Amino acid sequence: MPGQYPLPVFHFRVEWGGTRIGFSEVTGLTQENQAIEYRDGSFMEYSSIKMPGLRKFSNITLKRGVIKADNDFFKWLSTIKLNTVERRDLTISLLDEAHNPVMTWRVLNAFPVKVEGPQLKASGNEVAIEAIELAHEGLELQNP
């Protein structure tokens, strides 16, 4: 179609229950269905059949620049006590030029499994970046 271009990936928003919604990178918006292989000993073929199995979701990683006195990632991670944790639903929206959502991923029952501080380097010339890795129980794609 003339005049229709693929969406750029650089304009997005993450609503995650924290105060800052600006992130520099989001990765892991992946889901897959695992295949189950089965073979009965009386099958004439010497190969297995395959059928759909469990759905699997990748962990999601959010990265952003470090700002003084903002400890939201560490505070959320510290809610883990034995087998309990504060779970949150996230909304990740790809935005158009008017800042309206074009595609939205809804992440269900997410909780932090890893927080990574910035990599410090005496000769570095880049922004300090922190990251949080989230496990979750579902990923829904919603197109407005």
N, C-alpha and C. Protein backbone atom coordinates (compact mmCIF):
# COMPACT_ATOMS: atom_id res chain seq x y z
N MET A 1 0.83 -1.18 0.00
CA MET A 1 0.00 0.00 0.00
C MET A 1 0.88 1.24 0.00
N PRO A 2 0.68 2.12 -0.95
CA PRO A 2 1.47 3.35 -0.99
C PRO A 2 1.17 4.23 0.22
N GLY A 3 2.22 4.85 0.77
CA GLY A 3 2.04 5.76 1.90
C GLY A 3 1.95 5.09 3.25
N GLN A 4 1.96 3.76 3.30
CA GLN A 4 1.92 3.07 4.58
C GLN A 4 3.29 2.51 4.88
N TYR A 5 3.81 2.89 6.03
CA TYR A 5 5.14 2.45 6.44
C TYR A 5 5.04 1.61 7.70
N PRO A 6 5.99 0.72 7.92
CA PRO A 6 6.03 0.00 9.20
C PRO A 6 6.23 0.98 10.35
N LEU A 7 5.78 0.59 11.52
CA LEU A 7 5.88 1.45 12.70
C LEU A 7 7.31 1.50 13.23
N PRO A 8 7.80 2.67 13.59
CA PRO A 8 9.12 2.73 14.23
C PRO A 8 9.02 2.27 15.69
N VAL A 9 10.11 1.76 16.22
CA VAL A 9 10.11 1.17 17.57
C VAL A 9 10.52 2.15 18.66
N PHE A 10 10.87 3.38 18.32
CA PHE A 10 11.49 4.27 19.30
C PHE A 10 10.53 5.13 20.12
N HIS A 11 9.23 5.07 19.87
CA HIS A 11 8.28 5.92 20.59
C HIS A 11 7.28 5.03 21.33
N PHE A 12 7.49 4.87 22.64
CA PHE A 12 6.66 3.95 23.41
C PHE A 12 6.55 4.42 24.85
N ARG A 13 5.61 3.83 25.56
CA ARG A 13 5.35 4.17 26.97
C ARG A 13 5.12 2.87 27.73
N VAL A 14 5.60 2.83 28.98
CA VAL A 14 5.41 1.68 29.85
C VAL A 14 4.72 2.14 31.13
N GLU A 15 3.53 1.64 31.37
CA GLU A 15 2.83 1.90 32.63
C GLU A 15 2.99 0.66 33.48
N TRP A 16 3.72 0.80 34.59
CA TRP A 16 4.14 -0.38 35.35
C TRP A 16 3.89 -0.25 36.85
N GLY A 17 3.24 0.81 37.27
CA GLY A 17 2.97 0.99 38.69
C GLY A 17 4.01 1.83 39.39
N GLY A 18 5.02 2.27 38.67
CA GLY A 18 6.04 3.15 39.22
C GLY A 18 5.77 4.58 38.80
N THR A 19 6.59 5.51 39.27
CA THR A 19 6.33 6.92 38.99
C THR A 19 6.81 7.34 37.60
N ARG A 20 7.91 6.78 37.12
CA ARG A 20 8.43 7.16 35.79
C ARG A 20 8.00 6.15 34.75
N ILE A 21 7.46 6.64 33.62
CA ILE A 21 7.00 5.73 32.56
C ILE A 21 7.95 5.72 31.37
N GLY A 22 9.00 6.54 31.41
CA GLY A 22 9.95 6.60 30.31
C GLY A 22 11.03 5.54 30.45
N PHE A 23 11.17 4.73 29.44
CA PHE A 23 12.20 3.69 29.40
C PHE A 23 12.96 3.81 28.09
N SER A 24 14.21 3.39 28.09
CA SER A 24 15.02 3.45 26.88
C SER A 24 14.92 2.16 26.06
N GLU A 25 14.50 1.07 26.70
CA GLU A 25 14.45 -0.21 25.98
C GLU A 25 13.51 -1.17 26.68
N VAL A 26 12.75 -1.91 25.88
CA VAL A 26 11.90 -3.00 26.37
C VAL A 26 12.19 -4.21 25.50
N THR A 27 12.53 -5.33 26.14
CA THR A 27 12.76 -6.57 25.38
C THR A 27 12.01 -7.71 26.04
N GLY A 28 11.74 -8.76 25.26
CA GLY A 28 11.12 -9.96 25.80
C GLY A 28 9.62 -10.05 25.57
N LEU A 29 9.07 -9.30 24.65
CA LEU A 29 7.64 -9.39 24.36
C LEU A 29 7.41 -10.62 23.48
N THR A 30 7.73 -11.78 24.04
CA THR A 30 7.73 -13.03 23.29
C THR A 30 6.85 -14.06 23.97
N GLN A 31 6.08 -14.76 23.15
CA GLN A 31 5.34 -15.92 23.66
C GLN A 31 5.44 -17.03 22.64
N GLU A 32 5.39 -18.25 23.12
CA GLU A 32 5.49 -19.40 22.24
C GLU A 32 4.65 -20.54 22.78
N ASN A 33 4.27 -21.42 21.91
CA ASN A 33 3.62 -22.65 22.33
C ASN A 33 4.62 -23.78 22.15
N GLN A 34 4.85 -24.51 23.23
CA GLN A 34 5.78 -25.62 23.16
C GLN A 34 5.09 -26.82 22.51
N ALA A 35 5.83 -27.53 21.70
CA ALA A 35 5.28 -28.72 21.04
C ALA A 35 5.48 -29.95 21.93
N ILE A 36 4.48 -30.81 21.95
CA ILE A 36 4.56 -32.09 22.64
C ILE A 36 4.78 -33.16 21.58
N GLU A 37 5.80 -33.98 21.78
CA GLU A 37 6.04 -35.08 20.84
C GLU A 37 5.58 -36.37 21.48
N TYR A 38 4.94 -37.21 20.66
CA TYR A 38 4.42 -38.47 21.17
C TYR A 38 4.56 -39.54 20.08
N ARG A 39 4.92 -40.72 20.53
CA ARG A 39 4.98 -41.85 19.60
C ARG A 39 4.52 -43.09 20.33
N ASP A 40 3.56 -43.73 19.76
CA ASP A 40 3.07 -45.01 20.25
C ASP A 40 3.95 -46.11 19.65
N GLY A 41 4.26 -47.12 20.42
CA GLY A 41 5.12 -48.20 19.95
C GLY A 41 4.58 -48.94 18.74
N SER A 42 3.27 -48.89 18.49
CA SER A 42 2.69 -49.61 17.36
C SER A 42 2.57 -48.75 16.10
N PHE A 43 3.05 -47.49 16.14
CA PHE A 43 2.98 -46.63 14.96
C PHE A 43 3.78 -47.28 13.83
N MET A 44 3.22 -47.19 12.63
CA MET A 44 3.91 -47.74 11.46
C MET A 44 5.12 -46.88 11.09
N GLU A 45 5.01 -45.56 11.32
CA GLU A 45 6.12 -44.66 11.01
C GLU A 45 7.11 -44.69 12.18
N TYR A 46 8.35 -44.47 11.88
CA TYR A 46 9.37 -44.43 12.92
C TYR A 46 9.65 -42.99 13.35
N SER A 47 8.61 -42.23 13.50
CA SER A 47 8.73 -40.85 13.96
C SER A 47 7.56 -40.53 14.87
N SER A 48 7.67 -39.46 15.59
CA SER A 48 6.63 -39.07 16.53
C SER A 48 5.66 -38.08 15.88
N ILE A 49 4.50 -37.96 16.51
CA ILE A 49 3.57 -36.91 16.10
C ILE A 49 3.81 -35.71 17.01
N LYS A 50 3.39 -34.55 16.56
CA LYS A 50 3.55 -33.34 17.36
C LYS A 50 2.19 -32.68 17.54
N MET A 51 1.98 -32.19 18.76
CA MET A 51 0.74 -31.49 19.05
C MET A 51 1.05 -30.29 19.93
N PRO A 52 0.15 -29.28 19.93
CA PRO A 52 0.41 -28.09 20.74
C PRO A 52 0.42 -28.42 22.22
N GLY A 53 1.34 -27.78 22.94
CA GLY A 53 1.45 -27.99 24.38
C GLY A 53 1.24 -26.70 25.14
N LEU A 54 2.00 -26.53 26.19
CA LEU A 54 1.87 -25.37 27.06
C LEU A 54 2.37 -24.10 26.39
N ARG A 55 1.73 -22.99 26.73
CA ARG A 55 2.19 -21.68 26.28
C ARG A 55 3.29 -21.22 27.23
N LYS A 56 4.31 -20.59 26.68
CA LYS A 56 5.44 -20.12 27.47
C LYS A 56 5.69 -18.65 27.16
N PHE A 57 5.97 -17.87 28.22
CA PHE A 57 6.24 -16.44 28.06
C PHE A 57 7.67 -16.15 28.49
N SER A 58 8.36 -15.36 27.71
CA SER A 58 9.72 -14.95 28.07
C SER A 58 9.66 -13.88 29.16
N ASN A 59 10.73 -13.77 29.94
CA ASN A 59 10.84 -12.66 30.87
C ASN A 59 10.99 -11.36 30.09
N ILE A 60 10.47 -10.29 30.65
CA ILE A 60 10.54 -8.97 30.02
C ILE A 60 11.58 -8.14 30.76
N THR A 61 12.42 -7.44 30.00
CA THR A 61 13.43 -6.57 30.58
C THR A 61 13.13 -5.13 30.21
N LEU A 62 13.10 -4.27 31.22
CA LEU A 62 12.91 -2.83 31.04
C LEU A 62 14.20 -2.12 31.42
N LYS A 63 14.65 -1.19 30.58
CA LYS A 63 15.88 -0.43 30.86
C LYS A 63 15.56 1.05 30.81
N ARG A 64 16.25 1.80 31.69
CA ARG A 64 16.06 3.24 31.72
C ARG A 64 17.29 3.91 32.32
N GLY A 65 17.41 5.21 32.10
CA GLY A 65 18.50 5.99 32.68
C GLY A 65 18.31 6.15 34.18
N VAL A 66 19.42 6.12 34.89
CA VAL A 66 19.40 6.27 36.35
C VAL A 66 19.20 7.75 36.70
N ILE A 67 18.28 7.99 37.63
CA ILE A 67 18.04 9.34 38.14
C ILE A 67 18.26 9.32 39.65
N LYS A 68 18.90 10.34 40.17
CA LYS A 68 19.23 10.44 41.59
C LYS A 68 18.00 10.23 42.47
N ALA A 69 18.14 9.40 43.50
CA ALA A 69 17.12 9.14 44.53
C ALA A 69 15.90 8.39 44.01
N ASP A 70 15.97 7.78 42.81
CA ASP A 70 14.85 6.97 42.30
C ASP A 70 15.20 5.51 42.50
N ASN A 71 14.60 4.89 43.51
CA ASN A 71 14.90 3.49 43.85
C ASN A 71 13.71 2.58 43.60
N ASP A 72 12.83 2.94 42.67
CA ASP A 72 11.60 2.17 42.43
C ASP A 72 11.88 0.70 42.11
N PHE A 73 12.88 0.40 41.29
CA PHE A 73 13.18 -0.99 40.93
C PHE A 73 13.55 -1.80 42.17
N PHE A 74 14.44 -1.25 43.00
CA PHE A 74 14.90 -1.97 44.18
C PHE A 74 13.78 -2.12 45.21
N LYS A 75 12.93 -1.09 45.32
CA LYS A 75 11.80 -1.18 46.24
C LYS A 75 10.85 -2.30 45.85
N TRP A 76 10.57 -2.42 44.55
CA TRP A 76 9.68 -3.49 44.09
C TRP A 76 10.32 -4.85 44.32
N LEU A 77 11.60 -4.98 44.02
CA LEU A 77 12.30 -6.24 44.25
C LEU A 77 12.29 -6.62 45.73
N SER A 78 12.35 -5.64 46.61
CA SER A 78 12.39 -5.92 48.05
C SER A 78 11.04 -6.37 48.61
N THR A 79 9.98 -6.38 47.78
CA THR A 79 8.68 -6.88 48.25
C THR A 79 8.64 -8.40 48.28
N ILE A 80 9.69 -9.05 47.78
CA ILE A 80 9.73 -10.52 47.78
C ILE A 80 10.02 -11.01 49.19
N LYS A 81 9.12 -11.79 49.73
CA LYS A 81 9.27 -12.42 51.04
C LYS A 81 8.87 -13.88 50.89
N LEU A 82 9.84 -14.77 50.97
CA LEU A 82 9.61 -16.19 50.72
C LEU A 82 8.93 -16.37 49.38
N ASN A 83 7.69 -16.86 49.35
CA ASN A 83 7.03 -17.10 48.07
C ASN A 83 5.96 -16.05 47.76
N THR A 84 6.03 -14.90 48.40
CA THR A 84 5.08 -13.83 48.11
C THR A 84 5.82 -12.63 47.53
N VAL A 85 5.11 -11.87 46.72
CA VAL A 85 5.69 -10.70 46.07
C VAL A 85 4.55 -9.80 45.62
N GLU A 86 4.84 -8.54 45.50
CA GLU A 86 3.86 -7.62 44.93
C GLU A 86 3.83 -7.82 43.42
N ARG A 87 2.69 -8.24 42.91
CA ARG A 87 2.53 -8.46 41.47
C ARG A 87 1.82 -7.25 40.85
N ARG A 88 2.20 -6.95 39.63
CA ARG A 88 1.60 -5.81 38.92
C ARG A 88 1.28 -6.20 37.49
N ASP A 89 0.22 -5.59 36.96
CA ASP A 89 -0.05 -5.67 35.53
C ASP A 89 0.62 -4.47 34.88
N LEU A 90 1.23 -4.69 33.72
CA LEU A 90 1.90 -3.63 32.99
C LEU A 90 1.19 -3.39 31.67
N THR A 91 1.29 -2.17 31.18
CA THR A 91 0.80 -1.83 29.85
C THR A 91 1.94 -1.20 29.09
N ILE A 92 2.30 -1.82 27.97
CA ILE A 92 3.39 -1.32 27.12
C ILE A 92 2.75 -0.91 25.80
N SER A 93 2.87 0.37 25.47
CA SER A 93 2.19 0.91 24.29
C SER A 93 3.19 1.47 23.29
N LEU A 94 3.07 1.03 22.04
CA LEU A 94 3.80 1.63 20.93
C LEU A 94 2.96 2.81 20.46
N LEU A 95 3.59 3.99 20.35
CA LEU A 95 2.84 5.23 20.10
C LEU A 95 3.06 5.75 18.69
N ASP A 96 2.05 6.47 18.17
CA ASP A 96 2.20 7.13 16.88
C ASP A 96 2.74 8.54 17.08
N GLU A 97 2.81 9.31 16.00
CA GLU A 97 3.39 10.66 16.08
C GLU A 97 2.57 11.62 16.93
N ALA A 98 1.28 11.29 17.18
CA ALA A 98 0.43 12.12 18.03
C ALA A 98 0.40 11.58 19.46
N HIS A 99 1.28 10.66 19.80
CA HIS A 99 1.41 10.05 21.13
C HIS A 99 0.22 9.16 21.50
N ASN A 100 -0.49 8.64 20.50
CA ASN A 100 -1.61 7.74 20.74
C ASN A 100 -1.15 6.29 20.59
N PRO A 101 -1.66 5.38 21.41
CA PRO A 101 -1.27 3.97 21.28
C PRO A 101 -1.71 3.38 19.94
N VAL A 102 -0.79 2.71 19.28
CA VAL A 102 -1.08 2.01 18.03
C VAL A 102 -1.15 0.50 18.29
N MET A 103 -0.27 0.02 19.15
CA MET A 103 -0.27 -1.37 19.60
C MET A 103 -0.03 -1.35 21.09
N THR A 104 -0.71 -2.23 21.81
CA THR A 104 -0.57 -2.28 23.26
C THR A 104 -0.42 -3.72 23.72
N TRP A 105 0.61 -3.97 24.52
CA TRP A 105 0.82 -5.27 25.13
C TRP A 105 0.44 -5.16 26.60
N ARG A 106 -0.39 -6.05 27.06
CA ARG A 106 -0.78 -6.09 28.47
C ARG A 106 -0.07 -7.28 29.10
N VAL A 107 0.73 -7.01 30.13
CA VAL A 107 1.51 -8.02 30.82
C VAL A 107 0.81 -8.31 32.15
N LEU A 108 0.53 -9.58 32.42
CA LEU A 108 -0.29 -9.96 33.57
C LEU A 108 0.54 -10.54 34.71
N ASN A 109 0.25 -10.08 35.93
CA ASN A 109 0.83 -10.63 37.16
C ASN A 109 2.36 -10.64 37.15
N ALA A 110 2.95 -9.55 36.75
CA ALA A 110 4.41 -9.46 36.67
C ALA A 110 5.03 -9.21 38.05
N PHE A 111 6.24 -9.73 38.21
CA PHE A 111 7.02 -9.46 39.41
C PHE A 111 8.51 -9.50 39.06
N PRO A 112 9.32 -8.74 39.80
CA PRO A 112 10.74 -8.65 39.46
C PRO A 112 11.51 -9.91 39.88
N VAL A 113 12.41 -10.34 39.02
CA VAL A 113 13.29 -11.45 39.35
C VAL A 113 14.76 -11.02 39.35
N LYS A 114 15.02 -9.82 38.80
CA LYS A 114 16.40 -9.35 38.74
C LYS A 114 16.41 -7.84 38.54
N VAL A 115 17.25 -7.15 39.29
CA VAL A 115 17.50 -5.73 39.08
C VAL A 115 18.99 -5.57 38.84
N GLU A 116 19.33 -4.88 37.77
CA GLU A 116 20.73 -4.69 37.40
C GLU A 116 21.07 -3.21 37.42
N GLY A 117 22.07 -2.85 38.20
CA GLY A 117 22.52 -1.46 38.26
C GLY A 117 23.35 -1.11 37.04
N PRO A 118 23.78 0.15 36.95
CA PRO A 118 24.56 0.58 35.79
C PRO A 118 25.95 -0.02 35.77
N GLN A 119 26.51 -0.11 34.58
CA GLN A 119 27.89 -0.56 34.43
C GLN A 119 28.76 0.70 34.50
N LEU A 120 29.59 0.75 35.51
CA LEU A 120 30.42 1.92 35.75
C LEU A 120 31.76 1.77 35.03
N LYS A 121 32.19 2.84 34.37
CA LYS A 121 33.42 2.77 33.59
C LYS A 121 34.07 4.15 33.60
N ALA A 122 35.31 4.24 34.07
CA ALA A 122 35.99 5.52 34.23
C ALA A 122 36.15 6.27 32.90
N SER A 123 36.25 5.55 31.81
CA SER A 123 36.42 6.21 30.50
C SER A 123 35.11 6.27 29.71
N GLY A 124 34.00 5.96 30.37
CA GLY A 124 32.71 5.92 29.67
C GLY A 124 32.18 7.29 29.33
N ASN A 125 31.37 7.35 28.29
CA ASN A 125 30.76 8.60 27.84
C ASN A 125 29.30 8.35 27.48
N GLU A 126 28.61 7.61 28.35
CA GLU A 126 27.22 7.29 28.09
C GLU A 126 26.41 7.44 29.38
N VAL A 127 25.10 7.37 29.25
CA VAL A 127 24.19 7.52 30.38
C VAL A 127 24.23 6.25 31.23
N ALA A 128 24.12 6.41 32.55
CA ALA A 128 24.02 5.26 33.46
C ALA A 128 22.64 4.64 33.27
N ILE A 129 22.61 3.33 32.98
CA ILE A 129 21.36 2.61 32.69
C ILE A 129 21.14 1.55 33.76
N GLU A 130 19.90 1.45 34.25
CA GLU A 130 19.51 0.37 35.15
C GLU A 130 18.47 -0.48 34.44
N ALA A 131 18.35 -1.75 34.87
CA ALA A 131 17.43 -2.67 34.22
C ALA A 131 16.69 -3.49 35.27
N ILE A 132 15.47 -3.85 34.94
CA ILE A 132 14.69 -4.76 35.77
C ILE A 132 14.16 -5.86 34.87
N GLU A 133 14.30 -7.10 35.32
CA GLU A 133 13.79 -8.26 34.59
C GLU A 133 12.55 -8.77 35.32
N LEU A 134 11.49 -8.99 34.56
CA LEU A 134 10.20 -9.36 35.13
C LEU A 134 9.74 -10.72 34.61
N ALA A 135 9.32 -11.57 35.54
CA ALA A 135 8.59 -12.79 35.17
C ALA A 135 7.11 -12.41 35.18
N HIS A 136 6.30 -13.11 34.42
CA HIS A 136 4.88 -12.80 34.36
C HIS A 136 4.09 -14.03 33.93
N GLU A 137 2.78 -13.91 33.98
CA GLU A 137 1.90 -15.06 33.70
C GLU A 137 1.04 -14.86 32.47
N GLY A 138 1.32 -13.89 31.65
CA GLY A 138 0.52 -13.73 30.45
C GLY A 138 0.86 -12.46 29.70
N LEU A 139 0.71 -12.53 28.38
CA LEU A 139 1.00 -11.40 27.50
C LEU A 139 -0.12 -11.34 26.47
N GLU A 140 -0.85 -10.24 26.49
CA GLU A 140 -1.96 -10.06 25.55
C GLU A 140 -1.64 -8.88 24.63
N LEU A 141 -1.84 -9.06 23.33
CA LEU A 141 -1.68 -7.97 22.37
C LEU A 141 -3.04 -7.38 22.10
N GLN A 142 -3.15 -6.07 22.31
CA GLN A 142 -4.40 -5.37 22.07
C GLN A 142 -4.15 -4.26 21.07
N ASN A 143 -4.84 -4.29 19.95
CA ASN A 143 -4.74 -3.23 18.96
C ASN A 143 -5.97 -2.35 19.05
N PRO A 144 -5.77 -1.06 19.38
CA PRO A 144 -6.93 -0.18 19.49
C PRO A 144 -7.64 0.03 18.17
